[in-house]
């Protein structure tokens, strides 16, 4: 039972960090277009999608 609770907490944390990365990607993307800002936004976008995918589909990975 302890492991299940731990995994659900990990899933919430991973989901939260994924959502925050997607929000950061949105705000960086809305700035005036410069190459470095686009790269940073894409980095946050990829990280956010990766964290959300990991949290939803692979919660057993830590």
Protein backbone atom coordinates (compact mmCIF):
# COMPACT_ATOMS: atom_id res chain seq x y z
CA UNK A 1 0.00 0.00 0.00
CA UNK A 2 2.85 2.38 0.77
CA UNK A 3 4.29 1.85 -2.69
CA UNK A 4 0.96 2.65 -4.35
CA UNK A 5 0.72 5.90 -2.41
CA UNK A 6 4.31 6.76 -3.27
CA UNK A 7 3.70 6.13 -6.96
CA UNK A 8 0.58 8.27 -6.97
CA UNK A 9 2.51 11.11 -5.32
CA UNK A 10 5.25 10.69 -7.94
CA UNK A 11 2.61 10.75 -10.67
CA UNK A 12 1.15 14.01 -9.31
CA UNK A 13 4.61 15.59 -9.10
CA UNK A 14 5.51 14.54 -12.63
CA UNK A 15 2.18 15.77 -13.97
CA UNK A 16 2.63 19.11 -12.20
CA UNK A 17 6.14 19.61 -13.57
CA UNK A 18 4.92 18.65 -17.04
CA UNK A 19 2.08 21.16 -16.91
CA UNK A 20 4.42 23.87 -15.61
CA UNK A 21 6.84 23.20 -18.47
CA UNK A 22 3.98 23.50 -20.97
CA UNK A 23 2.86 26.79 -19.38
CA UNK A 24 6.42 28.12 -19.55
CA UNK A 25 6.63 27.04 -23.20
CA UNK A 26 3.45 29.00 -23.94
CA UNK A 27 4.68 32.19 -22.25
CA UNK A 28 8.12 31.99 -23.87
CA UNK A 29 6.50 31.36 -27.26
CA UNK A 30 4.33 34.49 -26.89
CA UNK A 31 7.43 36.71 -26.61
CA UNK A 32 8.85 38.47 -29.69
CA UNK A 33 10.38 35.84 -31.94
CA UNK A 34 14.09 35.33 -31.53
CA UNK A 35 15.96 32.12 -32.20
CA UNK A 36 17.01 31.53 -28.59
CA UNK A 37 13.47 32.07 -27.30
CA UNK A 38 12.09 29.59 -29.83
CA UNK A 39 14.67 27.01 -28.74
CA UNK A 40 13.86 27.56 -25.07
CA UNK A 41 10.12 27.27 -25.77
CA UNK A 42 10.64 24.04 -27.71
CA UNK A 43 12.77 22.69 -24.87
CA UNK A 44 10.01 23.39 -22.33
CA UNK A 45 7.41 21.93 -24.71
CA UNK A 46 9.33 18.69 -25.21
CA UNK A 47 10.08 18.41 -21.48
CA UNK A 48 6.43 19.03 -20.59
CA UNK A 49 5.11 16.45 -23.02
CA UNK A 50 7.73 13.96 -21.84
CA UNK A 51 6.91 14.45 -18.16
CA UNK A 52 3.16 14.19 -18.74
CA UNK A 53 3.56 11.06 -20.86
CA UNK A 54 5.81 9.47 -18.25
CA UNK A 55 3.43 10.36 -15.41
CA UNK A 56 0.33 9.09 -17.19
CA UNK A 57 1.56 5.98 -18.98
CA UNK A 58 4.63 4.88 -16.99
CA UNK A 59 4.07 5.76 -13.32
CA UNK A 60 6.22 2.83 -12.20
CA UNK A 61 9.35 4.54 -13.56
CA UNK A 62 11.12 6.70 -11.01
